[in-house]
Every structure is written in structure tokens, then in C-alpha cells.
């Protein structure tokens, strides 16, 4: 399981909170894995210099067609600014047809807890997936 370890684009303040975002992406087929991985590397390069980014990591499970991201930011506005800036914005648009599922979860944490562990991130992602699935079930009823 290739993991890009936690990087710290800019050090967080010594006190306060950070907004953490964790995501899980599953592509439709194994043919989509190389493209998703290459596009992920462009976004990885971008996050390393993104304003407001306190840290980031990526886990790829290519055989399962699954990719995880984990990042910490000074605010939700910093996350949205990153997502709306090229190349990330174009990457999201280009990869949309290859996606089977996407899950995003956000929470606040004390900056002293950085870096966030992958166990914590995956636990929160699975909770969000369950919440999303329950919401879809009730919408279909």
C-alpha cells in the first residue's frame, strides 16, 4: 500500500485548532487507477505549497482502486481556495467520470494533535460513508 507520508507545507501555530479533511475515492475500474494516481501527484505537488495547508498525506490502494487523502488546514476557506485553484479544479473535473464513489469528512482538531493518524482518518471516513449510505436509503424510501 503506497503511502505518501505526512508533509508540513507551513507550520501550524503553536496553539489553536485546525480543520482536518479526509477523503476516500474509489475509481470505476483498474484501467482508471494509473490516470487517477498521476493526477493525484499533480494535486500533491500543489498542496505542498498551498496557502493555509498545515499538513497532508495520501494512501493509495491501487489493487482495490481506492485512494485516501488526509490534510489539515487553517480554515475551511483555505480548503475551498485550494480546491478551486488550478490544477486541482481541473483535476476534479477531469476525474469525475472515472469515479465510482467519493467520501469527504471534515472535523476540527487541536493543532497539537498533528499529524492526524490514518487510523483516526479512516474511522471518520467509514462513519461518514455509513451516514451517507443511510441518507441515500431514506431518500429512496
C-alpha atoms as a PDB file:
ATOM      1  CA  UNK A   1       0.000   0.000   0.000  1.00  0.00           C
ATOM      2  CA  UNK A   2       1.940   3.091  -1.187  1.00  0.00           C
ATOM      3  CA  UNK A   3       1.731   5.950   1.304  1.00  0.00           C
ATOM      4  CA  UNK A   4       2.993   9.467   0.830  1.00  0.00           C
ATOM      5  CA  UNK A   5       3.947  10.425   4.378  1.00  0.00           C
ATOM      6  CA  UNK A   6       2.715  13.491   6.202  1.00  0.00           C
ATOM      7  CA  UNK A   7       4.313  16.678   4.899  1.00  0.00           C
ATOM      8  CA  UNK A   8       4.061  20.091   6.542  1.00  0.00           C
ATOM      9  CA  UNK A   9       3.754  22.812   3.881  1.00  0.00           C
ATOM     10  CA  UNK A  10       3.653  25.503   6.572  1.00  0.00           C
ATOM     11  CA  UNK A  11       3.942  25.002  10.302  1.00  0.00           C
ATOM     12  CA  UNK A  12       0.713  25.450  12.248  1.00  0.00           C
ATOM     13  CA  UNK A  13       0.539  27.975  15.071  1.00  0.00           C
ATOM     14  CA  UNK A  14       1.626  26.677  18.466  1.00  0.00           C
ATOM     15  CA  UNK A  15      -1.958  26.877  19.764  1.00  0.00           C
ATOM     16  CA  UNK A  16      -5.452  26.753  18.330  1.00  0.00           C
ATOM     17  CA  UNK A  17      -7.368  24.423  16.082  1.00  0.00           C
ATOM     18  CA  UNK A  18      -7.062  23.111  12.564  1.00  0.00           C
ATOM     19  CA  UNK A  19      -9.710  21.968  10.099  1.00  0.00           C
ATOM     20  CA  UNK A  20      -8.998  18.409   9.039  1.00  0.00           C
ATOM     21  CA  UNK A  21     -10.303  16.915   5.811  1.00  0.00           C
ATOM     22  CA  UNK A  22     -10.127  13.232   4.975  1.00  0.00           C
ATOM     23  CA  UNK A  23     -11.384  11.695   1.758  1.00  0.00           C
ATOM     24  CA  UNK A  24     -11.799   8.318   0.107  1.00  0.00           C
ATOM     25  CA  UNK A  25     -12.008   7.895  -3.647  1.00  0.00           C
ATOM     26  CA  UNK A  26     -12.847   4.700  -5.491  1.00  0.00           C
ATOM     27  CA  UNK A  27     -12.396   4.604  -9.254  1.00  0.00           C
ATOM     28  CA  UNK A  28     -14.633   2.537 -11.517  1.00  0.00           C
ATOM     29  CA  UNK A  29     -12.048   0.144 -12.940  1.00  0.00           C
ATOM     30  CA  UNK A  30      -8.408  -0.868 -12.679  1.00  0.00           C
ATOM     31  CA  UNK A  31      -7.869   0.924 -16.016  1.00  0.00           C
ATOM     32  CA  UNK A  32      -8.658   4.199 -14.211  1.00  0.00           C
ATOM     33  CA  UNK A  33      -6.033   3.687 -11.475  1.00  0.00           C
ATOM     34  CA  UNK A  34      -2.927   4.962 -13.338  1.00  0.00           C
ATOM     35  CA  UNK A  35      -4.709   8.125 -14.502  1.00  0.00           C
ATOM     36  CA  UNK A  36      -6.083   8.833 -11.036  1.00  0.00           C
ATOM     37  CA  UNK A  37      -2.677   8.261  -9.465  1.00  0.00           C
ATOM     38  CA  UNK A  38      -0.913  10.582 -11.937  1.00  0.00           C
ATOM     39  CA  UNK A  39      -3.496  13.326 -11.430  1.00  0.00           C
ATOM     40  CA  UNK A  40      -3.161  12.838  -7.665  1.00  0.00           C
ATOM     41  CA  UNK A  41       0.544  13.574  -7.932  1.00  0.00           C
ATOM     42  CA  UNK A  42      -0.209  16.958  -9.537  1.00  0.00           C
ATOM     43  CA  UNK A  43      -2.585  17.789  -6.665  1.00  0.00           C
ATOM     44  CA  UNK A  44       0.031  16.541  -4.176  1.00  0.00           C
ATOM     45  CA  UNK A  45       2.581  18.932  -5.635  1.00  0.00           C
ATOM     46  CA  UNK A  46       0.056  21.776  -5.382  1.00  0.00           C
ATOM     47  CA  UNK A  47      -0.864  21.097  -1.736  1.00  0.00           C
ATOM     48  CA  UNK A  48       2.802  21.259  -0.723  1.00  0.00           C
ATOM     49  CA  UNK A  49       2.747  24.998  -1.402  1.00  0.00           C
ATOM     50  CA  UNK A  50      -0.937  25.774  -0.788  1.00  0.00           C
ATOM     51  CA  UNK A  51      -1.670  28.749   1.480  1.00  0.00           C
ATOM     52  CA  UNK A  52      -3.160  27.603   4.777  1.00  0.00           C
ATOM     53  CA  UNK A  53      -2.071  23.963   4.461  1.00  0.00           C
ATOM     54  CA  UNK A  54      -0.633  22.632   7.723  1.00  0.00           C
ATOM     55  CA  UNK A  55      -0.125  19.042   6.571  1.00  0.00           C
ATOM     56  CA  UNK A  56      -1.129  16.334   4.122  1.00  0.00           C
ATOM     57  CA  UNK A  57      -0.717  12.640   3.381  1.00  0.00           C
ATOM     58  CA  UNK A  58      -2.002  10.219   0.737  1.00  0.00           C
ATOM     59  CA  UNK A  59      -2.599   6.464   0.749  1.00  0.00           C
ATOM     60  CA  UNK A  60      -3.043   4.539  -2.495  1.00  0.00           C
ATOM     61  CA  UNK A  61      -4.507   1.049  -2.671  1.00  0.00           C
ATOM     62  CA  UNK A  62      -4.287   0.539  -6.446  1.00  0.00           C
ATOM     63  CA  UNK A  63      -5.368  -3.107  -6.396  1.00  0.00           C
ATOM     64  CA  UNK A  64      -8.574  -2.097  -4.606  1.00  0.00           C
ATOM     65  CA  UNK A  65      -9.000   1.009  -6.839  1.00  0.00           C
ATOM     66  CA  UNK A  66      -9.075   3.154  -3.668  1.00  0.00           C
ATOM     67  CA  UNK A  67      -7.208   6.327  -2.721  1.00  0.00           C
ATOM     68  CA  UNK A  68      -7.309   8.244   0.557  1.00  0.00           C
ATOM     69  CA  UNK A  69      -6.276  11.817   1.318  1.00  0.00           C
ATOM     70  CA  UNK A  70      -5.743  13.438   4.678  1.00  0.00           C
ATOM     71  CA  UNK A  71      -4.965  17.104   5.197  1.00  0.00           C
ATOM     72  CA  UNK A  72      -5.039  19.810   7.874  1.00  0.00           C
ATOM     73  CA  UNK A  73      -5.796  23.458   7.125  1.00  0.00           C
ATOM     74  CA  UNK A  74      -6.036  26.793   8.869  1.00  0.00           C
ATOM     75  CA  UNK A  75      -9.718  27.094   7.806  1.00  0.00           C
ATOM     76  CA  UNK A  76     -12.420  25.704   5.536  1.00  0.00           C
ATOM     77  CA  UNK A  77     -11.879  28.761   3.341  1.00  0.00           C
ATOM     78  CA  UNK A  78      -8.276  27.640   2.774  1.00  0.00           C
ATOM     79  CA  UNK A  79      -9.515  24.171   1.752  1.00  0.00           C
ATOM     80  CA  UNK A  80     -12.065  25.633  -0.669  1.00  0.00           C
ATOM     81  CA  UNK A  81      -9.496  28.047  -2.120  1.00  0.00           C
ATOM     82  CA  UNK A  82      -7.151  25.111  -2.766  1.00  0.00           C
ATOM     83  CA  UNK A  83      -9.921  23.026  -4.346  1.00  0.00           C
ATOM     84  CA  UNK A  84     -10.980  25.925  -6.589  1.00  0.00           C
ATOM     85  CA  UNK A  85      -7.471  26.663  -7.856  1.00  0.00           C
ATOM     86  CA  UNK A  86      -5.725  25.016 -10.799  1.00  0.00           C
ATOM     87  CA  UNK A  87      -4.589  22.344 -11.192  1.00  0.00           C
ATOM     88  CA  UNK A  88      -6.886  20.877  -8.502  1.00  0.00           C
ATOM     89  CA  UNK A  89     -10.078  22.290 -10.007  1.00  0.00           C
ATOM     90  CA  UNK A  90      -9.296  20.835 -13.434  1.00  0.00           C
ATOM     91  CA  UNK A  91      -8.273  17.515 -11.918  1.00  0.00           C
ATOM     92  CA  UNK A  92     -11.630  17.184 -10.149  1.00  0.00           C
ATOM     93  CA  UNK A  93     -13.472  17.874 -13.395  1.00  0.00           C
ATOM     94  CA  UNK A  94     -11.299  15.511 -15.449  1.00  0.00           C
ATOM     95  CA  UNK A  95     -11.607  12.619 -12.990  1.00  0.00           C
ATOM     96  CA  UNK A  96     -15.331  12.888 -12.282  1.00  0.00           C
ATOM     97  CA  UNK A  97     -16.331  10.344 -14.989  1.00  0.00           C
ATOM     98  CA  UNK A  98     -13.896   7.761 -13.578  1.00  0.00           C
ATOM     99  CA  UNK A  99     -15.212   7.922 -10.012  1.00  0.00           C
ATOM    100  CA  UNK A 100     -17.319   5.140  -8.527  1.00  0.00           C
ATOM    101  CA  UNK A 101     -17.643   6.759  -5.088  1.00  0.00           C
ATOM    102  CA  UNK A 102     -16.217   9.691  -3.167  1.00  0.00           C
ATOM    103  CA  UNK A 103     -16.475  10.366   0.550  1.00  0.00           C
ATOM    104  CA  UNK A 104     -15.388  13.534   2.364  1.00  0.00           C
ATOM    105  CA  UNK A 105     -15.354  14.249   6.066  1.00  0.00           C
ATOM    106  CA  UNK A 106     -14.291  17.348   7.990  1.00  0.00           C
ATOM    107  CA  UNK A 107     -13.595  17.995  11.663  1.00  0.00           C
ATOM    108  CA  UNK A 108     -11.675  20.333  13.906  1.00  0.00           C
ATOM    109  CA  UNK A 109      -8.712  19.213  15.982  1.00  0.00           C
ATOM    110  CA  UNK A 110      -6.200  20.933  18.242  1.00  0.00           C
ATOM    111  CA  UNK A 111      -3.030  21.734  16.284  1.00  0.00           C
ATOM    112  CA  UNK A 112      -1.127  19.791  18.958  1.00  0.00           C
ATOM    113  CA  UNK A 113      -2.691  16.588  17.583  1.00  0.00           C
ATOM    114  CA  UNK A 114      -0.956  16.977  14.210  1.00  0.00           C
ATOM    115  CA  UNK A 115      -0.208  14.876  12.349  1.00  0.00           C
ATOM    116  CA  UNK A 116      -3.575  13.140  12.464  1.00  0.00           C
ATOM    117  CA  UNK A 117      -3.243   9.346  12.359  1.00  0.00           C
ATOM    118  CA  UNK A 118      -4.529   7.300   9.460  1.00  0.00           C
ATOM    119  CA  UNK A 119      -6.473   5.121  11.929  1.00  0.00           C
ATOM    120  CA  UNK A 120      -8.408   8.210  13.056  1.00  0.00           C
ATOM    121  CA  UNK A 121      -8.950   9.433   9.498  1.00  0.00           C
ATOM    122  CA  UNK A 122     -10.190   6.064   8.208  1.00  0.00           C
ATOM    123  CA  UNK A 123     -12.504   5.662  11.209  1.00  0.00           C
ATOM    124  CA  UNK A 124     -14.075   9.035  10.445  1.00  0.00           C
ATOM    125  CA  UNK A 125     -14.319   8.268   6.729  1.00  0.00           C
ATOM    126  CA  UNK A 126     -16.153   4.991   7.476  1.00  0.00           C
ATOM    127  CA  UNK A 127     -18.539   6.839   9.814  1.00  0.00           C
ATOM    128  CA  UNK A 128     -19.233   9.358   7.049  1.00  0.00           C
ATOM    129  CA  UNK A 129     -19.762   6.577   4.482  1.00  0.00           C
ATOM    130  CA  UNK A 130     -22.333   4.980   6.808  1.00  0.00           C
ATOM    131  CA  UNK A 131     -24.073   8.320   7.318  1.00  0.00           C
ATOM    132  CA  UNK A 132     -24.086   8.972   3.549  1.00  0.00           C
ATOM    133  CA  UNK A 133     -25.476   5.476   2.839  1.00  0.00           C
ATOM    134  CA  UNK A 134     -28.227   5.903   5.459  1.00  0.00           C
ATOM    135  CA  UNK A 135     -29.173   9.256   3.904  1.00  0.00           C
ATOM    136  CA  UNK A 136     -29.411   7.720   0.440  1.00  0.00           C
ATOM    137  CA  UNK A 137     -31.575   4.904   1.777  1.00  0.00           C
ATOM    138  CA  UNK A 138     -34.020   7.307   3.394  1.00  0.00           C
ATOM    139  CA  UNK A 139     -34.091   9.470   0.254  1.00  0.00           C
ATOM    140  CA  UNK A 140     -35.047   6.436  -1.830  1.00  0.00           C
ATOM    141  CA  UNK A 141     -37.896   5.466   0.506  1.00  0.00           C
END
